[in-house]
């Protein structure tokens, strides 16, 4: 008995197309994450990257939750993109950018409504429970925006 292992004729081209899609979506995802980080940094009092490098616990908590919430938005934007690669990349970028804008505005509005002084919270050298509220707002609104994309 002989067993033959054969690949489909289009296996190679499908593999190369898949690798290209992964790389392109990776670039779009990275770009959106960078834009998301700078959107959070720009709208949050203080320079987040400096505060994180200094090891301020509240800045780390808020920044990490903000990045995670942006990742939710980016992943869902990519997951729900069109099946055509070009259309998928465009819809991912548009949905991702819109999601980032909505996320940042919603978090700032929620912080305003709760009257949390985010600036002094993230600049504190001691853990402040209010940072958990801000982090929760980031994560919760990131999920809401992500589901809104789908």
N, C-alpha and C. Protein backbone atom coordinates (compact mmCIF):
# COMPACT_ATOMS: atom_id res chain seq x y z
N UNK A 1 0.84 -1.17 0.00
CA UNK A 1 0.00 0.00 0.00
C UNK A 1 0.88 1.24 0.00
N UNK A 2 0.60 2.15 -0.91
CA UNK A 2 1.39 3.35 -1.05
C UNK A 2 0.55 4.56 -0.69
N UNK A 3 1.13 5.43 0.10
CA UNK A 3 0.45 6.67 0.47
C UNK A 3 1.18 7.82 -0.19
N UNK A 4 0.43 8.68 -0.84
CA UNK A 4 1.02 9.82 -1.52
C UNK A 4 0.55 11.09 -0.81
N UNK A 5 1.52 11.92 -0.52
CA UNK A 5 1.21 13.20 0.11
C UNK A 5 1.37 14.28 -0.95
N UNK A 6 0.32 14.92 -1.29
CA UNK A 6 0.37 15.95 -2.32
C UNK A 6 -0.27 17.23 -1.80
N UNK A 7 0.31 18.31 -2.21
CA UNK A 7 -0.24 19.62 -1.85
C UNK A 7 -1.08 20.14 -3.00
N UNK A 8 -2.05 20.92 -2.70
CA UNK A 8 -2.88 21.53 -3.73
C UNK A 8 -2.03 22.41 -4.63
N UNK A 9 -2.44 22.58 -5.84
CA UNK A 9 -1.68 23.38 -6.80
C UNK A 9 -1.49 24.82 -6.34
N UNK A 10 -2.47 25.36 -5.64
CA UNK A 10 -2.40 26.75 -5.22
C UNK A 10 -1.86 26.92 -3.79
N UNK A 11 -1.32 25.86 -3.22
CA UNK A 11 -0.83 25.92 -1.85
C UNK A 11 0.22 27.00 -1.67
N UNK A 12 1.20 27.05 -2.54
CA UNK A 12 2.29 28.02 -2.41
C UNK A 12 1.80 29.45 -2.49
N UNK A 13 0.94 29.74 -3.47
CA UNK A 13 0.45 31.12 -3.61
C UNK A 13 -0.46 31.50 -2.44
N UNK A 14 -1.26 30.54 -1.97
CA UNK A 14 -2.11 30.81 -0.80
C UNK A 14 -1.26 31.08 0.44
N UNK A 15 -0.20 30.33 0.60
CA UNK A 15 0.69 30.50 1.74
C UNK A 15 1.36 31.88 1.70
N UNK A 16 1.87 32.28 0.54
CA UNK A 16 2.51 33.58 0.40
C UNK A 16 1.50 34.70 0.63
N UNK A 17 0.29 34.56 0.10
CA UNK A 17 -0.76 35.56 0.29
C UNK A 17 -1.12 35.66 1.78
N UNK A 18 -1.19 34.53 2.46
CA UNK A 18 -1.48 34.53 3.90
C UNK A 18 -0.39 35.20 4.71
N UNK A 19 0.85 34.93 4.37
CA UNK A 19 1.98 35.55 5.06
C UNK A 19 1.95 37.06 4.85
N UNK A 20 1.67 37.48 3.62
CA UNK A 20 1.58 38.91 3.32
C UNK A 20 0.46 39.56 4.12
N UNK A 21 -0.69 38.88 4.21
CA UNK A 21 -1.82 39.43 4.97
C UNK A 21 -1.45 39.58 6.44
N UNK A 22 -0.78 38.58 6.99
CA UNK A 22 -0.36 38.66 8.40
C UNK A 22 0.55 39.86 8.61
N UNK A 23 1.51 40.04 7.73
CA UNK A 23 2.44 41.15 7.87
C UNK A 23 1.73 42.50 7.72
N UNK A 24 0.85 42.61 6.74
CA UNK A 24 0.13 43.87 6.53
C UNK A 24 -0.81 44.19 7.70
N UNK A 25 -1.55 43.19 8.18
CA UNK A 25 -2.42 43.42 9.33
C UNK A 25 -1.59 43.72 10.58
N UNK A 26 -0.42 43.11 10.67
CA UNK A 26 0.48 43.41 11.79
C UNK A 26 0.92 44.87 11.78
N UNK A 27 1.22 45.38 10.59
CA UNK A 27 1.62 46.79 10.46
C UNK A 27 0.44 47.70 10.81
N UNK A 28 -0.75 47.39 10.29
CA UNK A 28 -1.94 48.18 10.60
C UNK A 28 -2.22 48.14 12.11
N UNK A 29 -2.13 46.95 12.70
CA UNK A 29 -2.36 46.80 14.13
C UNK A 29 -1.36 47.60 14.96
N UNK A 30 -0.09 47.52 14.59
CA UNK A 30 0.94 48.27 15.30
C UNK A 30 0.71 49.77 15.16
N UNK A 31 0.39 50.22 13.96
CA UNK A 31 0.11 51.63 13.72
C UNK A 31 -1.06 52.10 14.59
N UNK A 32 -2.13 51.31 14.62
CA UNK A 32 -3.29 51.68 15.44
C UNK A 32 -2.94 51.69 16.92
N UNK A 33 -2.14 50.74 17.37
CA UNK A 33 -1.75 50.71 18.78
C UNK A 33 -0.90 51.94 19.14
N UNK A 34 0.00 52.33 18.23
CA UNK A 34 0.81 53.52 18.48
C UNK A 34 -0.08 54.77 18.53
N UNK A 35 -1.00 54.87 17.57
CA UNK A 35 -1.93 56.01 17.56
C UNK A 35 -2.76 55.99 18.85
N UNK A 36 -3.23 54.81 19.25
CA UNK A 36 -4.00 54.68 20.48
C UNK A 36 -3.21 55.12 21.70
N UNK A 37 -1.96 54.70 21.78
CA UNK A 37 -1.13 55.10 22.92
C UNK A 37 -0.96 56.62 22.96
N UNK A 38 -0.63 57.20 21.80
CA UNK A 38 -0.41 58.65 21.78
C UNK A 38 -1.72 59.41 22.02
N UNK A 39 -2.86 58.84 21.62
CA UNK A 39 -4.15 59.48 21.91
C UNK A 39 -4.40 59.49 23.42
N UNK A 40 -4.09 58.37 24.07
CA UNK A 40 -4.24 58.31 25.53
C UNK A 40 -3.27 59.28 26.19
N UNK A 41 -2.01 59.26 25.73
CA UNK A 41 -0.97 60.12 26.30
C UNK A 41 -1.34 61.60 26.12
N UNK A 42 -1.82 61.94 24.94
CA UNK A 42 -2.15 63.33 24.63
C UNK A 42 -3.32 63.84 25.45
N UNK A 43 -4.28 62.97 25.74
CA UNK A 43 -5.48 63.41 26.46
C UNK A 43 -5.40 63.19 27.97
N UNK A 44 -4.33 62.59 28.43
CA UNK A 44 -4.14 62.35 29.86
C UNK A 44 -3.12 63.35 30.39
N UNK A 45 -3.41 63.98 31.53
CA UNK A 45 -2.42 64.93 32.09
C UNK A 45 -1.10 64.22 32.37
N UNK A 46 0.00 64.91 32.12
CA UNK A 46 1.32 64.34 32.35
C UNK A 46 1.80 63.54 31.14
N UNK A 47 3.07 63.26 31.10
CA UNK A 47 3.67 62.48 30.01
C UNK A 47 3.71 61.03 30.45
N UNK A 48 2.77 60.23 29.96
CA UNK A 48 2.62 58.85 30.44
C UNK A 48 3.89 58.03 30.30
N UNK A 49 4.55 58.13 29.17
CA UNK A 49 5.75 57.29 28.99
C UNK A 49 6.82 57.63 30.04
N UNK A 50 6.96 58.91 30.37
CA UNK A 50 7.92 59.30 31.42
C UNK A 50 7.49 58.77 32.78
N UNK A 51 6.19 58.90 33.07
CA UNK A 51 5.68 58.44 34.37
C UNK A 51 5.82 56.93 34.50
N UNK A 52 5.59 56.21 33.41
CA UNK A 52 5.74 54.74 33.44
C UNK A 52 7.20 54.36 33.65
N UNK A 53 8.09 55.05 32.92
CA UNK A 53 9.53 54.76 33.09
C UNK A 53 10.00 55.03 34.51
N UNK A 54 9.39 56.03 35.16
CA UNK A 54 9.74 56.32 36.56
C UNK A 54 9.16 55.28 37.50
N UNK A 55 8.28 54.44 36.98
CA UNK A 55 7.72 53.36 37.81
C UNK A 55 6.57 53.79 38.70
N UNK A 56 5.90 54.86 38.33
CA UNK A 56 4.77 55.31 39.14
C UNK A 56 3.61 54.33 38.95
N UNK A 57 3.17 53.70 40.03
CA UNK A 57 2.22 52.58 39.91
C UNK A 57 0.90 52.93 39.23
N UNK A 58 0.37 54.10 39.51
CA UNK A 58 -0.92 54.49 38.94
C UNK A 58 -0.80 54.77 37.45
N UNK A 59 0.31 55.36 37.05
CA UNK A 59 0.55 55.61 35.63
C UNK A 59 0.69 54.29 34.88
N UNK A 60 1.35 53.33 35.51
CA UNK A 60 1.50 52.01 34.88
C UNK A 60 0.13 51.34 34.72
N UNK A 61 -0.69 51.40 35.75
CA UNK A 61 -2.02 50.77 35.71
C UNK A 61 -2.88 51.42 34.63
N UNK A 62 -2.92 52.73 34.59
CA UNK A 62 -3.75 53.44 33.61
C UNK A 62 -3.24 53.21 32.19
N UNK A 63 -1.93 53.27 32.00
CA UNK A 63 -1.36 53.06 30.67
C UNK A 63 -1.59 51.64 30.18
N UNK A 64 -1.36 50.67 31.04
CA UNK A 64 -1.56 49.27 30.66
C UNK A 64 -3.02 49.00 30.29
N UNK A 65 -3.93 49.54 31.07
CA UNK A 65 -5.35 49.32 30.76
C UNK A 65 -5.75 50.04 29.48
N UNK A 66 -5.17 51.20 29.26
CA UNK A 66 -5.45 51.94 28.02
C UNK A 66 -4.95 51.17 26.80
N UNK A 67 -3.75 50.60 26.90
CA UNK A 67 -3.22 49.82 25.78
C UNK A 67 -4.04 48.56 25.56
N UNK A 68 -4.46 47.92 26.63
CA UNK A 68 -5.28 46.72 26.49
C UNK A 68 -6.63 47.06 25.86
N UNK A 69 -7.22 48.17 26.26
CA UNK A 69 -8.50 48.56 25.67
C UNK A 69 -8.33 48.89 24.19
N UNK A 70 -7.21 49.51 23.83
CA UNK A 70 -6.94 49.78 22.41
C UNK A 70 -6.75 48.47 21.65
N UNK A 71 -6.11 47.49 22.29
CA UNK A 71 -5.93 46.19 21.64
C UNK A 71 -7.27 45.52 21.36
N UNK A 72 -8.22 45.62 22.29
CA UNK A 72 -9.57 45.07 22.04
C UNK A 72 -10.14 45.68 20.76
N UNK A 73 -10.05 46.98 20.66
CA UNK A 73 -10.61 47.70 19.52
C UNK A 73 -9.92 47.28 18.22
N UNK A 74 -8.61 47.23 18.24
CA UNK A 74 -7.84 46.88 17.04
C UNK A 74 -8.13 45.45 16.61
N UNK A 75 -8.14 44.52 17.56
CA UNK A 75 -8.38 43.11 17.24
C UNK A 75 -9.77 42.93 16.63
N UNK A 76 -10.78 43.55 17.22
CA UNK A 76 -12.14 43.40 16.68
C UNK A 76 -12.25 44.10 15.33
N UNK A 77 -11.59 45.24 15.16
CA UNK A 77 -11.62 45.92 13.86
C UNK A 77 -11.01 45.03 12.78
N UNK A 78 -9.90 44.37 13.09
CA UNK A 78 -9.27 43.47 12.13
C UNK A 78 -10.13 42.23 11.91
N UNK A 79 -10.64 41.66 12.98
CA UNK A 79 -11.46 40.44 12.88
C UNK A 79 -12.70 40.66 12.02
N UNK A 80 -13.28 41.83 12.12
CA UNK A 80 -14.51 42.12 11.39
C UNK A 80 -14.28 42.82 10.06
N UNK A 81 -13.03 42.86 9.61
CA UNK A 81 -12.75 43.52 8.35
C UNK A 81 -13.25 42.68 7.18
N UNK A 82 -13.32 43.29 6.03
CA UNK A 82 -13.81 42.61 4.82
C UNK A 82 -12.89 41.46 4.45
N UNK A 83 -13.42 40.51 3.70
CA UNK A 83 -12.63 39.32 3.32
C UNK A 83 -11.58 39.66 2.27
N UNK A 84 -11.81 40.65 1.44
CA UNK A 84 -10.81 41.09 0.48
C UNK A 84 -9.70 41.80 1.25
N UNK A 85 -8.44 41.49 0.95
CA UNK A 85 -7.31 42.02 1.71
C UNK A 85 -7.28 43.55 1.71
N UNK A 86 -7.39 44.16 0.55
CA UNK A 86 -7.33 45.62 0.47
C UNK A 86 -8.48 46.26 1.23
N UNK A 87 -9.70 45.76 0.99
CA UNK A 87 -10.86 46.28 1.72
C UNK A 87 -10.72 46.02 3.21
N UNK A 88 -10.20 44.86 3.57
CA UNK A 88 -10.01 44.52 4.97
C UNK A 88 -9.04 45.45 5.67
N UNK A 89 -7.94 45.77 5.01
CA UNK A 89 -6.96 46.68 5.60
C UNK A 89 -7.56 48.08 5.77
N UNK A 90 -8.31 48.52 4.77
CA UNK A 90 -8.93 49.85 4.85
C UNK A 90 -9.98 49.89 5.96
N UNK A 91 -10.87 48.88 6.01
CA UNK A 91 -11.90 48.89 7.05
C UNK A 91 -11.28 48.75 8.44
N UNK A 92 -10.24 47.95 8.56
CA UNK A 92 -9.56 47.84 9.85
C UNK A 92 -9.00 49.18 10.30
N UNK A 93 -8.38 49.87 9.39
CA UNK A 93 -7.80 51.16 9.71
C UNK A 93 -8.87 52.18 10.08
N UNK A 94 -9.94 52.24 9.28
CA UNK A 94 -11.01 53.21 9.55
C UNK A 94 -11.73 52.88 10.86
N UNK A 95 -12.14 51.61 11.02
CA UNK A 95 -12.83 51.23 12.26
C UNK A 95 -11.91 51.39 13.47
N UNK A 96 -10.66 51.05 13.30
CA UNK A 96 -9.71 51.19 14.41
C UNK A 96 -9.53 52.63 14.82
N UNK A 97 -9.36 53.53 13.83
CA UNK A 97 -9.19 54.95 14.14
C UNK A 97 -10.45 55.53 14.79
N UNK A 98 -11.61 55.21 14.24
CA UNK A 98 -12.86 55.68 14.83
C UNK A 98 -13.02 55.12 16.25
N UNK A 99 -12.70 53.86 16.44
CA UNK A 99 -12.79 53.25 17.76
C UNK A 99 -11.88 53.92 18.77
N UNK A 100 -10.67 54.28 18.34
CA UNK A 100 -9.73 54.97 19.23
C UNK A 100 -10.28 56.33 19.64
N UNK A 101 -10.82 57.06 18.68
CA UNK A 101 -11.39 58.38 18.98
C UNK A 101 -12.55 58.26 19.97
N UNK A 102 -13.46 57.33 19.71
CA UNK A 102 -14.61 57.13 20.60
C UNK A 102 -14.13 56.70 21.98
N UNK A 103 -13.16 55.80 22.03
CA UNK A 103 -12.63 55.31 23.31
C UNK A 103 -12.06 56.45 24.14
N UNK A 104 -11.21 57.26 23.54
CA UNK A 104 -10.57 58.35 24.28
C UNK A 104 -11.60 59.35 24.78
N UNK A 105 -12.54 59.72 23.92
CA UNK A 105 -13.57 60.66 24.34
C UNK A 105 -14.44 60.09 25.46
N UNK A 106 -14.81 58.83 25.34
CA UNK A 106 -15.67 58.20 26.35
C UNK A 106 -14.96 58.11 27.70
N UNK A 107 -13.69 57.73 27.69
CA UNK A 107 -12.94 57.62 28.96
C UNK A 107 -12.81 59.00 29.61
N UNK A 108 -12.48 60.00 28.81
CA UNK A 108 -12.34 61.34 29.39
C UNK A 108 -13.67 61.84 29.95
N UNK A 109 -14.77 61.55 29.26
CA UNK A 109 -16.09 61.94 29.73
C UNK A 109 -16.43 61.24 31.05
N UNK A 110 -16.12 59.96 31.12
CA UNK A 110 -16.38 59.21 32.35
C UNK A 110 -15.51 59.72 33.50
N UNK A 111 -14.25 60.04 33.21
CA UNK A 111 -13.38 60.60 34.25
C UNK A 111 -13.93 61.94 34.73
N UNK A 112 -14.43 62.74 33.82
CA UNK A 112 -15.02 64.03 34.19
C UNK A 112 -16.25 63.82 35.06
N UNK A 113 -17.10 62.86 34.66
CA UNK A 113 -18.34 62.60 35.41
C UNK A 113 -18.04 62.10 36.82
N UNK A 114 -16.99 61.33 36.98
CA UNK A 114 -16.64 60.80 38.31
C UNK A 114 -15.79 61.78 39.11
N UNK A 115 -15.38 62.86 38.48
CA UNK A 115 -14.56 63.90 39.12
C UNK A 115 -13.22 63.39 39.64
N UNK A 116 -12.66 62.41 38.96
CA UNK A 116 -11.34 61.90 39.36
C UNK A 116 -10.28 62.84 38.80
N UNK A 117 -9.36 63.25 39.66
CA UNK A 117 -8.22 64.06 39.23
C UNK A 117 -7.15 63.11 38.71
N UNK A 118 -7.23 62.82 37.43
CA UNK A 118 -6.36 61.83 36.82
C UNK A 118 -4.90 62.27 36.89
N UNK A 119 -4.66 63.57 36.68
CA UNK A 119 -3.29 64.08 36.72
C UNK A 119 -2.58 63.77 38.02
N UNK A 120 -3.19 64.13 39.14
CA UNK A 120 -2.54 63.87 40.43
C UNK A 120 -2.52 62.38 40.76
N UNK A 121 -3.54 61.65 40.27
CA UNK A 121 -3.58 60.20 40.52
C UNK A 121 -2.40 59.51 39.86
N UNK A 122 -2.17 59.79 38.57
CA UNK A 122 -1.10 59.06 37.87
C UNK A 122 0.28 59.56 38.25
N UNK A 123 0.37 60.77 38.80
CA UNK A 123 1.67 61.29 39.20
C UNK A 123 2.04 60.92 40.63
N UNK A 124 1.13 60.30 41.35
CA UNK A 124 1.40 59.90 42.73
C UNK A 124 2.39 58.74 42.76
N UNK A 125 3.29 58.79 43.72
CA UNK A 125 4.27 57.71 43.87
C UNK A 125 3.71 56.53 44.65
N UNK A 126 2.55 56.76 45.29
CA UNK A 126 1.89 55.70 46.04
C UNK A 126 0.66 55.23 45.28
N UNK A 127 0.32 53.97 45.45
CA UNK A 127 -0.87 53.43 44.79
C UNK A 127 -2.10 54.21 45.21
N UNK A 128 -2.91 54.59 44.22
CA UNK A 128 -4.17 55.28 44.50
C UNK A 128 -5.31 54.42 43.95
N UNK A 129 -6.27 54.05 44.79
CA UNK A 129 -7.39 53.23 44.33
C UNK A 129 -8.12 53.82 43.13
N UNK A 130 -8.11 55.14 42.99
CA UNK A 130 -8.79 55.77 41.85
C UNK A 130 -8.20 55.30 40.52
N UNK A 131 -6.94 54.88 40.52
CA UNK A 131 -6.33 54.40 39.27
C UNK A 131 -7.03 53.13 38.78
N UNK A 132 -7.58 52.34 39.70
CA UNK A 132 -8.33 51.14 39.32
C UNK A 132 -9.65 51.54 38.64
N UNK A 133 -10.26 52.62 39.12
CA UNK A 133 -11.49 53.12 38.50
C UNK A 133 -11.20 53.58 37.07
N UNK A 134 -10.12 54.33 36.90
CA UNK A 134 -9.74 54.81 35.57
C UNK A 134 -9.41 53.62 34.67
N UNK A 135 -8.65 52.66 35.20
CA UNK A 135 -8.30 51.47 34.42
C UNK A 135 -9.55 50.68 34.03
N UNK A 136 -10.47 50.56 34.95
CA UNK A 136 -11.72 49.85 34.66
C UNK A 136 -12.51 50.57 33.58
N UNK A 137 -12.52 51.89 33.63
CA UNK A 137 -13.22 52.67 32.60
C UNK A 137 -12.59 52.42 31.24
N UNK A 138 -11.25 52.40 31.19
CA UNK A 138 -10.56 52.10 29.93
C UNK A 138 -10.98 50.74 29.40
N UNK A 139 -10.89 49.73 30.24
CA UNK A 139 -11.20 48.36 29.80
C UNK A 139 -12.67 48.20 29.41
N UNK A 140 -13.55 48.71 30.24
CA UNK A 140 -14.98 48.56 29.96
C UNK A 140 -15.37 49.28 28.68
N UNK A 141 -14.92 50.51 28.52
CA UNK A 141 -15.27 51.26 27.31
C UNK A 141 -14.57 50.70 26.09
N UNK A 142 -13.37 50.17 26.27
CA UNK A 142 -12.69 49.50 25.14
C UNK A 142 -13.49 48.32 24.64
N UNK A 143 -14.05 47.55 25.58
CA UNK A 143 -14.90 46.41 25.19
C UNK A 143 -16.18 46.89 24.52
N UNK A 144 -16.79 47.93 25.05
CA UNK A 144 -18.02 48.46 24.46
C UNK A 144 -17.77 48.94 23.04
N UNK A 145 -16.70 49.70 22.85
CA UNK A 145 -16.36 50.21 21.51
C UNK A 145 -16.04 49.04 20.59
N UNK A 146 -15.28 48.06 21.07
CA UNK A 146 -14.93 46.90 20.25
C UNK A 146 -16.18 46.15 19.79
N UNK A 147 -17.10 45.94 20.70
CA UNK A 147 -18.34 45.24 20.33
C UNK A 147 -19.16 46.10 19.37
N UNK A 148 -19.10 47.39 19.53
CA UNK A 148 -19.79 48.30 18.61
C UNK A 148 -19.25 48.19 17.19
N UNK A 149 -17.98 47.85 17.05
CA UNK A 149 -17.37 47.66 15.73
C UNK A 149 -17.91 46.39 15.06
N UNK A 150 -18.19 45.39 15.88
CA UNK A 150 -18.58 44.09 15.29
C UNK A 150 -19.96 44.02 14.81
